[in-house]
C-alpha atoms as a PDB file:
ATOM      1  CA  MET A   1      -0.009   0.045  -0.014  1.00  0.00           C
ATOM      2  CA  LYS A   2       2.844   2.323   0.841  1.00  0.00           C
ATOM      3  CA  LYS A   3       4.493   1.767  -2.525  1.00  0.00           C
ATOM      4  CA  ILE A   4       1.215   2.524  -4.390  1.00  0.00           C
ATOM      5  CA  LEU A   5       0.836   5.825  -2.505  1.00  0.00           C
ATOM      6  CA  ILE A   6       4.421   6.820  -3.326  1.00  0.00           C
ATOM      7  CA  ILE A   7       3.977   5.975  -6.961  1.00  0.00           C
ATOM      8  CA  ALA A   8       0.665   7.996  -7.125  1.00  0.00           C
ATOM      9  CA  PHE A   9       2.334  10.949  -5.427  1.00  0.00           C
ATOM     10  CA  MET A  10       5.164  10.932  -7.829  1.00  0.00           C
ATOM     11  CA  ALA A  11       2.851  10.682 -10.839  1.00  0.00           C
ATOM     12  CA  LEU A  12       0.822  13.645  -9.577  1.00  0.00           C
ATOM     13  CA  SER A  13       4.025  15.642  -8.790  1.00  0.00           C
ATOM     14  CA  PHE A  14       5.408  15.132 -12.345  1.00  0.00           C
ATOM     15  CA  GLY A  15       2.064  16.235 -13.769  1.00  0.00           C
ATOM     16  CA  ALA A  16       2.000  19.431 -11.727  1.00  0.00           C
ATOM     17  CA  PHE A  17       5.444  20.421 -13.057  1.00  0.00           C
ATOM     18  CA  ALA A  18       4.739  19.588 -16.714  1.00  0.00           C
ATOM     19  CA  GLN A  19       5.542  22.330 -19.200  1.00  0.00           C
ATOM     20  CA  VAL A  20       2.662  23.606 -21.429  1.00  0.00           C
ATOM     21  CA  GLU A  21       4.047  24.066 -24.877  1.00  0.00           C
ATOM     22  CA  PRO A  22       3.305  27.397 -26.537  1.00  0.00           C
ATOM     23  CA  THR A  23       1.076  27.605 -29.602  1.00  0.00           C
ATOM     24  CA  PHE A  24       1.765  29.436 -32.845  1.00  0.00           C
ATOM     25  CA  GLU A  25      -0.921  30.192 -35.489  1.00  0.00           C
ATOM     26  CA  LYS A  26      -0.310  31.827 -38.829  1.00  0.00           C
ATOM     27  CA  GLU A  27      -2.686  34.785 -39.441  1.00  0.00           C
ATOM     28  CA  GLY A  28      -1.864  36.473 -42.685  1.00  0.00           C
ATOM     29  CA  ASP A  29       1.714  37.717 -42.625  1.00  0.00           C
ATOM     30  CA  MET A  30       1.775  37.535 -38.782  1.00  0.00           C
ATOM     31  CA  VAL A  31       2.173  34.547 -36.343  1.00  0.00           C
ATOM     32  CA  LYS A  32      -0.008  34.656 -33.198  1.00  0.00           C
ATOM     33  CA  ALA A  33       1.850  33.244 -30.258  1.00  0.00           C
ATOM     34  CA  THR A  34       0.285  31.991 -27.040  1.00  0.00           C
ATOM     35  CA  TYR A  35       2.481  31.072 -24.050  1.00  0.00           C
ATOM     36  CA  PHE A  36       1.150  29.272 -20.934  1.00  0.00           C
ATOM     37  CA  HIS A  37       1.940  29.061 -17.269  1.00  0.00           C
ATOM     38  CA  ALA A  38       2.597  25.545 -15.786  1.00  0.00           C
ATOM     39  CA  ASN A  39      -1.019  25.435 -14.641  1.00  0.00           C
ATOM     40  CA  GLY A  40      -2.304  25.836 -18.186  1.00  0.00           C
ATOM     41  CA  GLU A  41      -3.431  29.451 -17.874  1.00  0.00           C
ATOM     42  CA  VAL A  42      -2.300  31.825 -20.641  1.00  0.00           C
ATOM     43  CA  SER A  43       0.867  33.796 -19.556  1.00  0.00           C
ATOM     44  CA  GLN A  44       1.372  35.900 -22.773  1.00  0.00           C
ATOM     45  CA  GLN A  45      -0.326  36.363 -26.062  1.00  0.00           C
ATOM     46  CA  GLY A  46       0.738  38.514 -29.045  1.00  0.00           C
ATOM     47  CA  TYR A  47       2.151  38.467 -32.535  1.00  0.00           C
ATOM     48  CA  PHE A  48       5.384  38.073 -34.466  1.00  0.00           C
ATOM     49  CA  LEU A  49       6.164  39.547 -37.777  1.00  0.00           C
ATOM     50  CA  ASN A  50       9.424  38.499 -39.542  1.00  0.00           C
ATOM     51  CA  GLU A  51      10.470  36.804 -36.297  1.00  0.00           C
ATOM     52  CA  ARG A  52      10.167  40.006 -34.216  1.00  0.00           C
ATOM     53  CA  LEU A  53       7.528  41.002 -31.671  1.00  0.00           C
ATOM     54  CA  GLU A  54       4.843  43.091 -33.341  1.00  0.00           C
ATOM     55  CA  GLY A  55       1.550  44.706 -32.390  1.00  0.00           C
ATOM     56  CA  GLU A  56      -0.347  44.243 -29.104  1.00  0.00           C
ATOM     57  CA  TRP A  57       1.001  41.784 -26.475  1.00  0.00           C
ATOM     58  CA  LYS A  58      -0.953  40.848 -23.370  1.00  0.00           C
ATOM     59  CA  MET A  59       0.475  39.333 -20.143  1.00  0.00           C
ATOM     60  CA  PHE A  60      -1.538  37.353 -17.538  1.00  0.00           C
ATOM     61  CA  ASN A  61      -0.726  36.000 -14.007  1.00  0.00           C
ATOM     62  CA  GLU A  62      -1.315  32.361 -13.068  1.00  0.00           C
ATOM     63  CA  LYS A  63      -4.927  33.169 -12.069  1.00  0.00           C
ATOM     64  CA  GLY A  64      -5.655  34.542 -15.564  1.00  0.00           C
ATOM     65  CA  ASP A  65      -5.786  38.210 -14.521  1.00  0.00           C
ATOM     66  CA  LYS A  66      -4.331  40.691 -17.050  1.00  0.00           C
ATOM     67  CA  ILE A  67      -1.167  42.236 -15.618  1.00  0.00           C
ATOM     68  CA  ALA A  68       0.144  44.090 -18.680  1.00  0.00           C
ATOM     69  CA  VAL A  69      -0.686  45.143 -22.150  1.00  0.00           C
ATOM     70  CA  GLY A  70       1.319  47.167 -24.707  1.00  0.00           C
ATOM     71  CA  ASN A  71       2.587  47.292 -28.250  1.00  0.00           C
ATOM     72  CA  TYR A  72       5.727  46.357 -30.104  1.00  0.00           C
ATOM     73  CA  GLU A  73       6.928  47.927 -33.415  1.00  0.00           C
ATOM     74  CA  ASN A  74       9.591  45.943 -35.144  1.00  0.00           C
ATOM     75  CA  GLY A  75      10.588  44.091 -31.934  1.00  0.00           C
ATOM     76  CA  VAL A  76      10.812  47.290 -29.798  1.00  0.00           C
ATOM     77  CA  LYS A  77       8.419  48.410 -27.082  1.00  0.00           C
ATOM     78  CA  SER A  78       6.550  51.563 -28.198  1.00  0.00           C
ATOM     79  CA  GLY A  79       3.856  53.884 -26.952  1.00  0.00           C
ATOM     80  CA  LYS A  80       1.771  53.446 -23.832  1.00  0.00           C
ATOM     81  CA  TRP A  81       1.916  50.220 -21.860  1.00  0.00           C
ATOM     82  CA  LEU A  82      -0.408  49.458 -18.970  1.00  0.00           C
ATOM     83  CA  PHE A  83       0.644  47.404 -15.944  1.00  0.00           C
ATOM     84  CA  TRP A  84      -1.631  46.327 -13.154  1.00  0.00           C
ATOM     85  CA  GLU A  85      -0.263  45.731  -9.586  1.00  0.00           C
ATOM     86  CA  GLY A  86      -3.106  45.082  -7.096  1.00  0.00           C
ATOM     87  CA  ASP A  87      -5.095  48.329  -6.906  1.00  0.00           C
ATOM     88  CA  VAL A  88      -2.563  50.395  -8.931  1.00  0.00           C
ATOM     89  CA  LYS A  89      -2.443  50.761 -12.651  1.00  0.00           C
ATOM     90  CA  LYS A  90       0.778  52.112 -14.098  1.00  0.00           C
ATOM     91  CA  GLU A  91       0.966  53.808 -17.502  1.00  0.00           C
ATOM     92  CA  VAL A  92       4.484  53.555 -18.849  1.00  0.00           C
ATOM     93  CA  ASN A  93       5.329  55.431 -22.056  1.00  0.00           C
ATOM     94  CA  PHE A  94       8.101  53.876 -24.077  1.00  0.00           C
ATOM     95  CA  ASP A  95      10.266  55.704 -26.737  1.00  0.00           C
ATOM     96  CA  ASN A  96      12.508  53.410 -28.733  1.00  0.00           C
ATOM     97  CA  ASN A  97      12.361  50.602 -26.084  1.00  0.00           C
ATOM     98  CA  ARG A  98      13.242  53.100 -23.301  1.00  0.00           C
ATOM     99  CA  ILE A  99      10.953  54.401 -20.537  1.00  0.00           C
ATOM    100  CA  ALA A 100       9.918  57.960 -21.274  1.00  0.00           C
ATOM    101  CA  SER A 101       7.473  58.355 -18.406  1.00  0.00           C
ATOM    102  CA  VAL A 102       5.556  56.470 -15.705  1.00  0.00           C
ATOM    103  CA  THR A 103       2.110  57.460 -14.177  1.00  0.00           C
ATOM    104  CA  ASN A 104       0.398  55.731 -11.315  1.00  0.00           C
ATOM    105  CA  ALA A 105      -3.415  55.602 -10.913  1.00  0.00           C
ATOM    106  CA  LYS A 106      -5.824  53.861  -8.553  1.00  0.00           C
ATOM    107  CA  THR A 107      -7.949  51.308 -10.436  1.00  0.00           C
ATOM    108  CA  LYS A 108     -10.747  50.711  -7.893  1.00  0.00           C
ATOM    109  CA  GLU A 109     -12.330  54.194  -8.270  1.00  0.00           C
ATOM    110  CA  PRO A 110     -15.297  54.422 -10.564  1.00  0.00           C
ATOM    111  CA  VAL A 111     -14.991  56.251 -13.938  1.00  0.00           C
ATOM    112  CA  ALA A 112     -18.496  57.751 -13.686  1.00  0.00           C
ATOM    113  CA  VAL A 113     -21.119  57.875 -10.999  1.00  0.00           C
ATOM    114  CA  ASN A 114     -24.924  58.002 -11.792  1.00  0.00           C
ATOM    115  CA  ASN A 115     -26.902  60.234  -9.389  1.00  0.00           C
END
């Protein structure tokens, strides 16, 4: 009985640490890439063009919550990126892959209130 429990535990342990292979789908000239956390949740999703990051990329934590979104142009971070850390949303502006500015904002406050 002890050996069966040990074997079952080892089998479950190996399954928990299994790597989830990324997926790649051709969409016109671009390739949509989806990367996964070990638990099967999506970790990143975006596009490649000519083997370089291109367009919008989204990042997620292990629970599936969005933690970042931004754009790449020819493999370089560009424009406004948004990062979520708990109740704080950070807007980071990139210029040629370098941080140009950072702004923090609370995310729990309503945008509009109906009276």
